[in-house]
C-alpha atoms as a PDB file:
ATOM      1  CA  MET A   1      79.990  71.589  83.637  1.00  0.00           C
ATOM      2  CA  GLU A   2      81.371  75.156  83.580  1.00  0.00           C
ATOM      3  CA  ILE A   3      83.208  77.307  86.101  1.00  0.00           C
ATOM      4  CA  ASP A   4      80.393  79.812  86.511  1.00  0.00           C
ATOM      5  CA  GLN A   5      77.982  76.947  87.175  1.00  0.00           C
ATOM      6  CA  LEU A   6      80.204  75.638  89.981  1.00  0.00           C
ATOM      7  CA  GLU A   7      80.586  79.128  91.451  1.00  0.00           C
ATOM      8  CA  THR A   8      76.815  79.527  91.432  1.00  0.00           C
ATOM      9  CA  PHE A   9      76.361  76.094  92.979  1.00  0.00           C
ATOM     10  CA  LEU A  10      78.682  77.027  95.870  1.00  0.00           C
ATOM     11  CA  ALA A  11      76.947  80.384  96.281  1.00  0.00           C
ATOM     12  CA  VAL A  12      73.565  78.668  96.692  1.00  0.00           C
ATOM     13  CA  VAL A  13      75.123  76.304  99.252  1.00  0.00           C
ATOM     14  CA  THR A  14      76.777  79.159 101.153  1.00  0.00           C
ATOM     15  CA  TYR A  15      73.741  81.439 101.254  1.00  0.00           C
ATOM     16  CA  GLY A  16      71.107  78.740 101.617  1.00  0.00           C
ATOM     17  CA  GLY A  17      68.947  79.633  98.648  1.00  0.00           C
ATOM     18  CA  PHE A  18      68.701  80.984  95.113  1.00  0.00           C
ATOM     19  CA  HIS A  19      67.479  84.452  96.092  1.00  0.00           C
ATOM     20  CA  ARG A  20      70.362  85.217  98.472  1.00  0.00           C
ATOM     21  CA  ALA A  21      72.892  83.664  96.104  1.00  0.00           C
ATOM     22  CA  ALA A  22      71.612  85.902  93.309  1.00  0.00           C
ATOM     23  CA  GLY A  23      72.132  88.973  95.479  1.00  0.00           C
ATOM     24  CA  ALA A  24      75.656  87.921  96.439  1.00  0.00           C
ATOM     25  CA  LEU A  25      76.624  87.175  92.835  1.00  0.00           C
ATOM     26  CA  ARG A  26      74.818  90.279  91.555  1.00  0.00           C
ATOM     27  CA  LEU A  27      72.762  88.195  89.142  1.00  0.00           C
ATOM     28  CA  SER A  28      69.043  87.826  88.654  1.00  0.00           C
ATOM     29  CA  GLN A  29      67.390  84.869  90.334  1.00  0.00           C
ATOM     30  CA  PRO A  30      66.363  83.372  86.931  1.00  0.00           C
ATOM     31  CA  ALA A  31      70.050  83.497  85.890  1.00  0.00           C
ATOM     32  CA  VAL A  32      71.037  81.574  89.038  1.00  0.00           C
ATOM     33  CA  SER A  33      68.289  79.020  88.414  1.00  0.00           C
ATOM     34  CA  ALA A  34      69.412  78.631  84.785  1.00  0.00           C
ATOM     35  CA  ARG A  35      73.010  77.944  85.825  1.00  0.00           C
ATOM     36  CA  ILE A  36      71.980  75.332  88.382  1.00  0.00           C
ATOM     37  CA  ARG A  37      69.636  73.714  85.864  1.00  0.00           C
ATOM     38  CA  ALA A  38      72.451  73.576  83.270  1.00  0.00           C
ATOM     39  CA  LEU A  39      74.783  72.049  85.873  1.00  0.00           C
ATOM     40  CA  GLU A  40      72.235  69.370  86.762  1.00  0.00           C
ATOM     41  CA  GLU A  41      71.630  68.617  83.085  1.00  0.00           C
ATOM     42  CA  SER A  42      75.366  68.201  82.460  1.00  0.00           C
ATOM     43  CA  LEU A  43      75.648  65.828  85.424  1.00  0.00           C
ATOM     44  CA  GLY A  44      72.386  64.020  84.740  1.00  0.00           C
ATOM     45  CA  VAL A  45      71.357  64.297  88.383  1.00  0.00           C
ATOM     46  CA  ALA A  46      69.871  66.863  90.772  1.00  0.00           C
ATOM     47  CA  VAL A  47      72.352  68.571  93.096  1.00  0.00           C
ATOM     48  CA  PHE A  48      69.644  69.973  95.403  1.00  0.00           C
ATOM     49  CA  THR A  49      66.676  68.305  97.041  1.00  0.00           C
ATOM     50  CA  ARG A  50      63.747  70.713  96.938  1.00  0.00           C
ATOM     51  CA  SER A  51      60.635  70.651  99.101  1.00  0.00           C
ATOM     52  CA  PRO A  52      58.054  73.318 100.015  1.00  0.00           C
ATOM     53  CA  GLY A  53      59.826  75.955 102.072  1.00  0.00           C
ATOM     54  CA  SER A  54      63.215  74.246 102.195  1.00  0.00           C
ATOM     55  CA  MET A  55      66.133  73.103 100.097  1.00  0.00           C
ATOM     56  CA  SER A  56      69.139  70.931 100.872  1.00  0.00           C
ATOM     57  CA  LEU A  57      72.021  69.245  99.095  1.00  0.00           C
ATOM     58  CA  SER A  58      71.199  65.946  97.434  1.00  0.00           C
ATOM     59  CA  PRO A  59      73.659  63.030  97.798  1.00  0.00           C
ATOM     60  CA  ALA A  60      75.107  64.053  94.427  1.00  0.00           C
ATOM     61  CA  GLY A  61      75.415  67.662  95.608  1.00  0.00           C
ATOM     62  CA  LYS A  62      77.234  66.578  98.765  1.00  0.00           C
ATOM     63  CA  ALA A  63      79.671  64.574  96.651  1.00  0.00           C
ATOM     64  CA  LEU A  64      80.186  67.473  94.235  1.00  0.00           C
ATOM     65  CA  ARG A  65      80.827  70.199  96.830  1.00  0.00           C
ATOM     66  CA  PRO A  66      84.419  69.378  97.916  1.00  0.00           C
ATOM     67  CA  HIS A  67      85.487  68.819  94.297  1.00  0.00           C
ATOM     68  CA  ALA A  68      83.947  72.136  93.224  1.00  0.00           C
ATOM     69  CA  GLU A  69      85.778  73.938  96.029  1.00  0.00           C
ATOM     70  CA  GLN A  70      89.049  72.236  95.110  1.00  0.00           C
ATOM     71  CA  LEU A  71      88.624  73.053  91.418  1.00  0.00           C
ATOM     72  CA  LEU A  72      88.008  76.749  92.073  1.00  0.00           C
ATOM     73  CA  ARG A  73      91.024  76.895  94.385  1.00  0.00           C
ATOM     74  CA  GLY A  74      93.127  75.313  91.629  1.00  0.00           C
ATOM     75  CA  ILE A  75      91.943  77.872  89.101  1.00  0.00           C
ATOM     76  CA  ALA A  76      92.858  80.688  91.476  1.00  0.00           C
ATOM     77  CA  VAL A  77      96.347  79.224  91.939  1.00  0.00           C
ATOM     78  CA  ALA A  78      96.772  78.919  88.153  1.00  0.00           C
ATOM     79  CA  ARG A  79      95.796  82.560  87.635  1.00  0.00           C
ATOM     80  CA  GLN A  80      98.252  83.588  90.335  1.00  0.00           C
ATOM     81  CA  ALA A  81     101.092  81.598  88.744  1.00  0.00           C
ATOM     82  CA  VAL A  82     100.562  83.332  85.407  1.00  0.00           C
ATOM     83  CA  HIS A  83     100.295  86.730  87.060  1.00  0.00           C
ATOM     84  CA  GLU A  84     103.617  86.249  88.842  1.00  0.00           C
ATOM     85  CA  LEU A  85     105.369  86.148  85.448  1.00  0.00           C
ATOM     86  CA  GLN A  86     104.292  89.726  84.760  1.00  0.00           C
ATOM     87  CA  PRO A  87     106.524  92.709  85.599  1.00  0.00           C
ATOM     88  CA  LEU A  88     106.147  94.313  89.009  1.00  0.00           C
ATOM     89  CA  THR A  89     103.520  97.033  89.068  1.00  0.00           C
ATOM     90  CA  GLY A  90     105.045  99.014  91.918  1.00  0.00           C
ATOM     91  CA  GLY A  91     101.595 100.282  92.894  1.00  0.00           C
ATOM     92  CA  PRO A  92     100.353 100.845  96.426  1.00  0.00           C
ATOM     93  CA  LEU A  93      99.079  98.012  98.575  1.00  0.00           C
ATOM     94  CA  ARG A  94      95.332  98.558  99.019  1.00  0.00           C
ATOM     95  CA  ILE A  95      93.705  97.086 102.124  1.00  0.00           C
ATOM     96  CA  ALA A  96      90.164  97.108 103.465  1.00  0.00           C
ATOM     97  CA  ALA A  97      89.799  96.121 107.101  1.00  0.00           C
ATOM     98  CA  ALA A  98      87.222  96.075 109.836  1.00  0.00           C
ATOM     99  CA  LEU A  99      87.626  98.935 112.293  1.00  0.00           C
ATOM    100  CA  SER A 100      88.646  96.530 115.069  1.00  0.00           C
ATOM    101  CA  VAL A 101      91.345  95.094 112.806  1.00  0.00           C
ATOM    102  CA  CYS A 102      92.615  98.595 111.951  1.00  0.00           C
ATOM    103  CA  THR A 103      92.753  99.496 115.623  1.00  0.00           C
ATOM    104  CA  TYR A 104      94.092  96.374 117.333  1.00  0.00           C
ATOM    105  CA  PHE A 105      95.818  94.226 114.726  1.00  0.00           C
ATOM    106  CA  LEU A 106      97.137  96.141 111.729  1.00  0.00           C
ATOM    107  CA  PRO A 107      99.513  98.630 113.417  1.00  0.00           C
ATOM    108  CA  ASP A 108     102.067  95.969 114.374  1.00  0.00           C
ATOM    109  CA  VAL A 109     101.768  94.305 110.970  1.00  0.00           C
ATOM    110  CA  MET A 110     102.282  97.627 109.209  1.00  0.00           C
ATOM    111  CA  LYS A 111     105.413  98.258 111.251  1.00  0.00           C
ATOM    112  CA  ASP A 112     106.905  94.965 110.046  1.00  0.00           C
ATOM    113  CA  TYR A 113     105.823  95.641 106.442  1.00  0.00           C
ATOM    114  CA  GLN A 114     107.369  99.100 106.464  1.00  0.00           C
ATOM    115  CA  ALA A 115     110.623  97.666 107.820  1.00  0.00           C
ATOM    116  CA  ALA A 116     110.690  95.091 105.004  1.00  0.00           C
ATOM    117  CA  LYS A 117     109.591  97.548 102.295  1.00  0.00           C
ATOM    118  CA  PRO A 118     110.464 101.092 103.434  1.00  0.00           C
ATOM    119  CA  LYS A 119     109.462 102.663 100.101  1.00  0.00           C
ATOM    120  CA  ALA A 120     106.115 100.916  99.851  1.00  0.00           C
ATOM    121  CA  THR A 121     102.870 102.884  99.853  1.00  0.00           C
ATOM    122  CA  VAL A 122      99.816 101.494 101.626  1.00  0.00           C
ATOM    123  CA  THR A 123      96.215 102.690 101.680  1.00  0.00           C
ATOM    124  CA  VAL A 124      93.874 101.327 104.346  1.00  0.00           C
ATOM    125  CA  ARG A 125      90.100 101.739 104.244  1.00  0.00           C
ATOM    126  CA  SER A 126      87.858 100.645 107.085  1.00  0.00           C
ATOM    127  CA  GLY A 127      84.275  99.444 107.304  1.00  0.00           C
ATOM    128  CA  ASN A 128      82.134  96.650 108.680  1.00  0.00           C
ATOM    129  CA  SER A 129      82.455  93.117 107.339  1.00  0.00           C
ATOM    130  CA  VAL A 130      79.869  93.629 104.591  1.00  0.00           C
ATOM    131  CA  GLN A 131      81.597  96.813 103.420  1.00  0.00           C
ATOM    132  CA  VAL A 132      85.014  95.131 103.448  1.00  0.00           C
ATOM    133  CA  LEU A 133      83.653  92.285 101.326  1.00  0.00           C
ATOM    134  CA  LYS A 134      82.091  94.729  98.857  1.00  0.00           C
ATOM    135  CA  MET A 135      85.344  96.676  98.447  1.00  0.00           C
ATOM    136  CA  VAL A 136      87.165  93.439  97.627  1.00  0.00           C
ATOM    137  CA  LEU A 137      84.507  92.274  95.161  1.00  0.00           C
ATOM    138  CA  ASP A 138      84.410  95.678  93.449  1.00  0.00           C
ATOM    139  CA  GLY A 139      88.185  95.722  92.960  1.00  0.00           C
ATOM    140  CA  GLU A 140      88.678  98.785  95.142  1.00  0.00           C
ATOM    141  CA  VAL A 141      91.256  96.974  97.298  1.00  0.00           C
ATOM    142  CA  ASP A 142      93.660  94.051  96.927  1.00  0.00           C
ATOM    143  CA  ILE A 143      92.786  92.234 100.150  1.00  0.00           C
ATOM    144  CA  GLY A 144      90.231  92.487 102.924  1.00  0.00           C
ATOM    145  CA  ILE A 145      90.659  91.652 106.595  1.00  0.00           C
ATOM    146  CA  ALA A 146      87.645  91.182 108.845  1.00  0.00           C
ATOM    147  CA  ARG A 147      85.907  88.583 110.948  1.00  0.00           C
ATOM    148  CA  SER A 148      84.129  85.518 109.535  1.00  0.00           C
ATOM    149  CA  LEU A 149      84.047  86.459 105.835  1.00  0.00           C
ATOM    150  CA  ASN A 150      82.884  83.953 103.220  1.00  0.00           C
ATOM    151  CA  HIS A 151      81.730  84.409  99.637  1.00  0.00           C
ATOM    152  CA  PRO A 152      81.956  82.155  96.555  1.00  0.00           C
ATOM    153  CA  GLU A 153      83.927  84.792  94.599  1.00  0.00           C
ATOM    154  CA  VAL A 154      86.713  85.198  97.166  1.00  0.00           C
ATOM    155  CA  GLU A 155      89.429  83.042  98.644  1.00  0.00           C
ATOM    156  CA  THR A 156      89.188  83.038 102.430  1.00  0.00           C
ATOM    157  CA  MET A 157      92.182  82.338 104.645  1.00  0.00           C
ATOM    158  CA  THR A 158      91.528  82.120 108.377  1.00  0.00           C
ATOM    159  CA  LEU A 159      94.286  83.779 110.369  1.00  0.00           C
ATOM    160  CA  ARG A 160      93.137  82.859 113.864  1.00  0.00           C
ATOM    161  CA  ASP A 161      90.124  82.416 116.123  1.00  0.00           C
ATOM    162  CA  ASP A 162      88.661  85.679 117.405  1.00  0.00           C
ATOM    163  CA  PRO A 163      85.750  84.765 119.690  1.00  0.00           C
ATOM    164  CA  LEU A 164      83.569  87.219 121.548  1.00  0.00           C
ATOM    165  CA  MET A 165      84.493  87.100 125.242  1.00  0.00           C
ATOM    166  CA  LEU A 166      82.565  88.301 128.277  1.00  0.00           C
ATOM    167  CA  VAL A 167      84.967  90.636 130.077  1.00  0.00           C
ATOM    168  CA  GLY A 168      84.921  93.034 133.014  1.00  0.00           C
ATOM    169  CA  HIS A 169      87.190  95.069 135.250  1.00  0.00           C
ATOM    170  CA  PRO A 170      88.787  92.791 137.880  1.00  0.00           C
ATOM    171  CA  GLU A 171      87.319  94.983 140.668  1.00  0.00           C
ATOM    172  CA  HIS A 172      83.773  94.892 139.306  1.00  0.00           C
ATOM    173  CA  PRO A 173      81.652  92.750 141.690  1.00  0.00           C
ATOM    174  CA  GLN A 174      80.438  90.341 139.003  1.00  0.00           C
ATOM    175  CA  ALA A 175      83.837  90.066 137.305  1.00  0.00           C
ATOM    176  CA  ARG A 176      85.387  88.551 140.412  1.00  0.00           C
ATOM    177  CA  LYS A 177      83.790  85.240 139.468  1.00  0.00           C
ATOM    178  CA  PRO A 178      85.777  83.306 136.853  1.00  0.00           C
ATOM    179  CA  ARG A 179      82.670  81.382 135.779  1.00  0.00           C
ATOM    180  CA  ALA A 180      78.946  82.023 135.710  1.00  0.00           C
ATOM    181  CA  ARG A 181      75.761  80.616 134.268  1.00  0.00           C
ATOM    182  CA  LEU A 182      73.937  82.533 131.557  1.00  0.00           C
ATOM    183  CA  GLU A 183      70.969  83.005 133.903  1.00  0.00           C
ATOM    184  CA  GLU A 184      73.271  84.918 136.273  1.00  0.00           C
ATOM    185  CA  VAL A 185      74.772  87.030 133.492  1.00  0.00           C
ATOM    186  CA  GLU A 186      71.268  88.035 132.354  1.00  0.00           C
ATOM    187  CA  SER A 187      70.882  90.364 135.364  1.00  0.00           C
ATOM    188  CA  TRP A 188      74.387  91.853 135.222  1.00  0.00           C
ATOM    189  CA  PRO A 189      74.842  95.395 133.844  1.00  0.00           C
ATOM    190  CA  LEU A 190      75.890  94.854 130.221  1.00  0.00           C
ATOM    191  CA  ILE A 191      77.060  97.055 127.374  1.00  0.00           C
ATOM    192  CA  PHE A 192      76.456  96.354 123.684  1.00  0.00           C
ATOM    193  CA  TYR A 193      77.940  98.109 120.665  1.00  0.00           C
ATOM    194  CA  ASP A 194      77.141  98.729 116.997  1.00  0.00           C
ATOM    195  CA  ARG A 195      73.464  97.778 116.960  1.00  0.00           C
ATOM    196  CA  GLY A 196      72.678  95.578 113.975  1.00  0.00           C
ATOM    197  CA  SER A 197      76.259  94.372 113.486  1.00  0.00           C
ATOM    198  CA  SER A 198      77.102  90.671 113.455  1.00  0.00           C
ATOM    199  CA  ASP A 199      78.708  91.014 116.916  1.00  0.00           C
ATOM    200  CA  TRP A 200      75.547  92.633 118.308  1.00  0.00           C
ATOM    201  CA  THR A 201      73.362  89.942 116.739  1.00  0.00           C
ATOM    202  CA  LEU A 202      75.595  87.114 117.952  1.00  0.00           C
ATOM    203  CA  SER A 203      75.785  88.305 121.571  1.00  0.00           C
ATOM    204  CA  GLN A 204      72.082  89.211 121.777  1.00  0.00           C
ATOM    205  CA  GLY A 205      71.213  85.859 120.213  1.00  0.00           C
ATOM    206  CA  LEU A 206      73.009  84.051 123.033  1.00  0.00           C
ATOM    207  CA  PHE A 207      70.312  85.257 125.441  1.00  0.00           C
ATOM    208  CA  ARG A 208      67.414  85.091 122.993  1.00  0.00           C
ATOM    209  CA  ARG A 209      67.975  81.387 122.269  1.00  0.00           C
ATOM    210  CA  ALA A 210      67.792  80.680 126.007  1.00  0.00           C
ATOM    211  CA  GLY A 211      64.619  82.745 126.418  1.00  0.00           C
ATOM    212  CA  LEU A 212      66.472  85.389 128.453  1.00  0.00           C
ATOM    213  CA  LEU A 213      66.551  89.182 128.284  1.00  0.00           C
ATOM    214  CA  PRO A 214      69.948  90.794 128.979  1.00  0.00           C
ATOM    215  CA  ASN A 215      70.176  93.818 131.280  1.00  0.00           C
ATOM    216  CA  VAL A 216      71.491  96.365 128.766  1.00  0.00           C
ATOM    217  CA  VAL A 217      72.554  99.503 130.633  1.00  0.00           C
ATOM    218  CA  LEU A 218      74.645 101.055 127.848  1.00  0.00           C
ATOM    219  CA  GLU A 219      74.749 100.995 124.050  1.00  0.00           C
ATOM    220  CA  VAL A 220      77.601 102.607 122.106  1.00  0.00           C
ATOM    221  CA  GLU A 221      78.771 102.670 118.505  1.00  0.00           C
ATOM    222  CA  THR A 222      82.285 101.217 118.695  1.00  0.00           C
ATOM    223  CA  ILE A 223      84.258  98.419 120.314  1.00  0.00           C
ATOM    224  CA  GLU A 224      86.779 100.867 121.742  1.00  0.00           C
ATOM    225  CA  ALA A 225      84.048 102.941 123.416  1.00  0.00           C
ATOM    226  CA  SER A 226      82.597  99.762 124.870  1.00  0.00           C
ATOM    227  CA  LYS A 227      85.977  98.688 126.223  1.00  0.00           C
ATOM    228  CA  ARG A 228      86.575 102.098 127.843  1.00  0.00           C
ATOM    229  CA  MET A 229      83.225 101.920 129.626  1.00  0.00           C
ATOM    230  CA  ILE A 230      84.033  98.436 130.920  1.00  0.00           C
ATOM    231  CA  MET A 231      87.451  99.561 132.144  1.00  0.00           C
ATOM    232  CA  ARG A 232      85.722 102.331 134.141  1.00  0.00           C
ATOM    233  CA  LYS A 233      83.838  99.580 136.025  1.00  0.00           C
ATOM    234  CA  LEU A 234      80.489 100.744 134.638  1.00  0.00           C
ATOM    235  CA  CYS A 235      79.439  97.400 133.201  1.00  0.00           C
ATOM    236  CA  LEU A 236      80.550  94.153 131.591  1.00  0.00           C
ATOM    237  CA  GLY A 237      80.374  93.228 127.920  1.00  0.00           C
ATOM    238  CA  PHE A 238      81.130  90.862 125.090  1.00  0.00           C
ATOM    239  CA  LEU A 239      84.204  92.029 123.162  1.00  0.00           C
ATOM    240  CA  PRO A 240      86.326  90.418 120.427  1.00  0.00           C
ATOM    241  CA  GLN A 241      89.425  88.697 121.742  1.00  0.00           C
ATOM    242  CA  ILE A 242      91.567  90.782 119.393  1.00  0.00           C
ATOM    243  CA  ALA A 243      90.386  93.965 121.163  1.00  0.00           C
ATOM    244  CA  VAL A 244      91.260  92.884 124.710  1.00  0.00           C
ATOM    245  CA  THR A 245      94.434  90.827 124.294  1.00  0.00           C
ATOM    246  CA  GLN A 246      96.688  93.418 125.916  1.00  0.00           C
ATOM    247  CA  GLU A 247      94.294  94.241 128.751  1.00  0.00           C
ATOM    248  CA  LEU A 248      93.802  90.559 129.586  1.00  0.00           C
ATOM    249  CA  SER A 249      97.545  89.899 129.579  1.00  0.00           C
ATOM    250  CA  GLU A 250      98.179  92.871 131.897  1.00  0.00           C
ATOM    251  CA  GLY A 251      95.313  92.056 134.250  1.00  0.00           C
ATOM    252  CA  GLU A 252      93.402  95.254 133.443  1.00  0.00           C
ATOM    253  CA  LEU A 253      90.441  93.151 132.319  1.00  0.00           C
ATOM    254  CA  VAL A 254      89.386  89.604 133.164  1.00  0.00           C
ATOM    255  CA  ALA A 255      87.332  87.103 131.183  1.00  0.00           C
ATOM    256  CA  ILE A 256      84.305  85.317 132.616  1.00  0.00           C
ATOM    257  CA  GLU A 257      83.457  81.874 131.257  1.00  0.00           C
ATOM    258  CA  ILE A 258      79.770  81.153 130.714  1.00  0.00           C
ATOM    259  CA  THR A 259      79.508  77.520 131.731  1.00  0.00           C
ATOM    260  CA  ASN A 260      76.161  76.593 130.192  1.00  0.00           C
ATOM    261  CA  ALA A 261      76.381  78.286 126.777  1.00  0.00           C
ATOM    262  CA  GLU A 262      78.304  77.694 123.581  1.00  0.00           C
ATOM    263  CA  PRO A 263      81.289  80.020 123.017  1.00  0.00           C
ATOM    264  CA  LEU A 264      80.602  82.911 120.620  1.00  0.00           C
ATOM    265  CA  ARG A 265      83.047  81.814 117.947  1.00  0.00           C
ATOM    266  CA  ARG A 266      84.360  84.107 115.214  1.00  0.00           C
ATOM    267  CA  ASN A 267      87.360  83.954 112.900  1.00  0.00           C
ATOM    268  CA  LEU A 268      89.780  86.644 111.805  1.00  0.00           C
ATOM    269  CA  ASP A 269      89.893  86.166 108.022  1.00  0.00           C
ATOM    270  CA  VAL A 270      91.793  87.648 105.087  1.00  0.00           C
ATOM    271  CA  ILE A 271      90.128  87.517 101.683  1.00  0.00           C
ATOM    272  CA  HIS A 272      91.085  88.271  98.093  1.00  0.00           C
ATOM    273  CA  PRO A 273      89.217  87.834  94.788  1.00  0.00           C
ATOM    274  CA  ARG A 274      89.352  84.489  93.038  1.00  0.00           C
ATOM    275  CA  HIS A 275      89.292  86.101  89.597  1.00  0.00           C
ATOM    276  CA  ARG A 276      91.982  88.730  90.156  1.00  0.00           C
ATOM    277  CA  PRO A 277      95.527  87.595  90.941  1.00  0.00           C
ATOM    278  CA  LEU A 278      97.229  89.038  93.983  1.00  0.00           C
ATOM    279  CA  SER A 279      99.723  91.834  93.452  1.00  0.00           C
ATOM    280  CA  LYS A 280     103.322  91.336  94.500  1.00  0.00           C
ATOM    281  CA  GLU A 281     102.734  93.789  97.322  1.00  0.00           C
ATOM    282  CA  ALA A 282      99.794  91.760  98.652  1.00  0.00           C
ATOM    283  CA  GLN A 283     101.774  88.533  98.356  1.00  0.00           C
ATOM    284  CA  ALA A 284     104.504  90.037 100.541  1.00  0.00           C
ATOM    285  CA  PHE A 285     101.949  91.224 103.073  1.00  0.00           C
ATOM    286  CA  LEU A 286     100.161  87.901 103.679  1.00  0.00           C
ATOM    287  CA  PRO A 287     103.039  86.138 105.524  1.00  0.00           C
ATOM    288  CA  LEU A 288     103.262  89.091 107.909  1.00  0.00           C
ATOM    289  CA  LEU A 289      99.547  88.774 108.654  1.00  0.00           C
ATOM    290  CA  ARG A 290      99.931  85.075 109.389  1.00  0.00           C
ATOM    291  CA  ALA A 291     102.949  85.669 111.637  1.00  0.00           C
ATOM    292  CA  ALA A 292     101.195  88.400 113.618  1.00  0.00           C
ATOM    293  CA  ALA A 293      98.084  86.247 114.055  1.00  0.00           C
ATOM    294  CA  THR A 294     100.046  83.452 115.742  1.00  0.00           C
ATOM    295  CA  MET A 295     101.342  85.830 118.409  1.00  0.00           C
ATOM    296  CA  ALA A 296      98.101  87.505 119.523  1.00  0.00           C
ATOM    297  CA  VAL A 297      96.865  85.068 122.203  1.00  0.00           C
ATOM    298  CA  PRO A 298      95.630  86.482 125.514  1.00  0.00           C
ATOM    299  CA  LEU A 299      96.680  85.129 128.856  1.00  0.00           C
ATOM    300  CA  THR A 300      94.320  83.340 131.188  1.00  0.00           C
ATOM    301  CA  ARG A 301      92.880  85.002 134.264  1.00  0.00           C
ATOM    302  CA  LYS A 302      95.204  83.010 136.509  1.00  0.00           C
ATOM    303  CA  THR A 303      98.332  84.064 134.605  1.00  0.00           C
ATOM    304  CA  ALA A 304      97.250  87.684 134.493  1.00  0.00           C
ATOM    305  CA  LYS A 305      96.716  87.773 138.253  1.00  0.00           C
ATOM    306  CA  ARG A 306     100.108  86.212 138.872  1.00  0.00           C
ATOM    307  CA  ARG A 307     101.770  88.901 136.748  1.00  0.00           C
ATOM    308  CA  LYS A 308      99.901  91.617 138.614  1.00  0.00           C
ATOM    309  CA  ARG A 309     101.051  90.303 141.987  1.00  0.00           C
ATOM    310  CA  HIS A 310     104.610  90.030 140.688  1.00  0.00           C
ATOM    311  CA  ARG A 311     104.626  93.720 139.650  1.00  0.00           C
ATOM    312  CA  ALA A 312     103.363  94.738 143.090  1.00  0.00           C
ATOM    313  CA  LYS A 313     106.291  93.121 144.907  1.00  0.00           C
END
């Protein structure tokens, strides 16, 4: 049993098949199959149950998975411990982050980092989640910050929940209701952003699974554009919690709970490569990310209204 075999095993589990795992690992599919075959030969048992058109973990595979994950985490910790004995590099901190993270989350973190390390240099590159992951895997950045990132070659640390929330201006007719059924929301004027993104797919899928067709009156490219349209009372929309925290707390937007549908859950994650130890600069940055994530929790509709009334007195 070798490390690359366990990494490949977890990739197949994560991506649900040999073909997708091969693409993620940048290997050929025969190479992935060979590694899994070698792993099964070393264990003397099959780790996957194969049938026409489907594949699932065998009982042995289910037993192996948590130990494989723990072993790879241990290896990453060992690499980091050795790296920490090396002299400081003094290089810039390189970050890749989703555009929403750059806009709504990083500025406060950067302020704290600059206060702690006034001479530090930081470069920030933005992109969607797939692009952030690629920059981390290619060694172009030290860490990546985006929503719901997982890959067998990276360590993923979840900072906080960042669900998609249905929000509207408090004076919009439909937004005056704190709760609604999905069948009601279907006819409301809705805005969607970044066609083809995971957020677009997730929010559209909410209606598709129920056999409904949302009333899309606007499509834009960015979250910020979508939020501005909603704040002008033009429509309602599904936005990440991280993007509307301030507006919800100040009563400029309100959230509407959909009572008969599952919440659109997402995580805000930070990732770094398993095979490359973290720089000292990145190590100093991670606690600031965790601290900032614990503070960014929006207020409820009731609390926001109470604050608004208090300001009017």
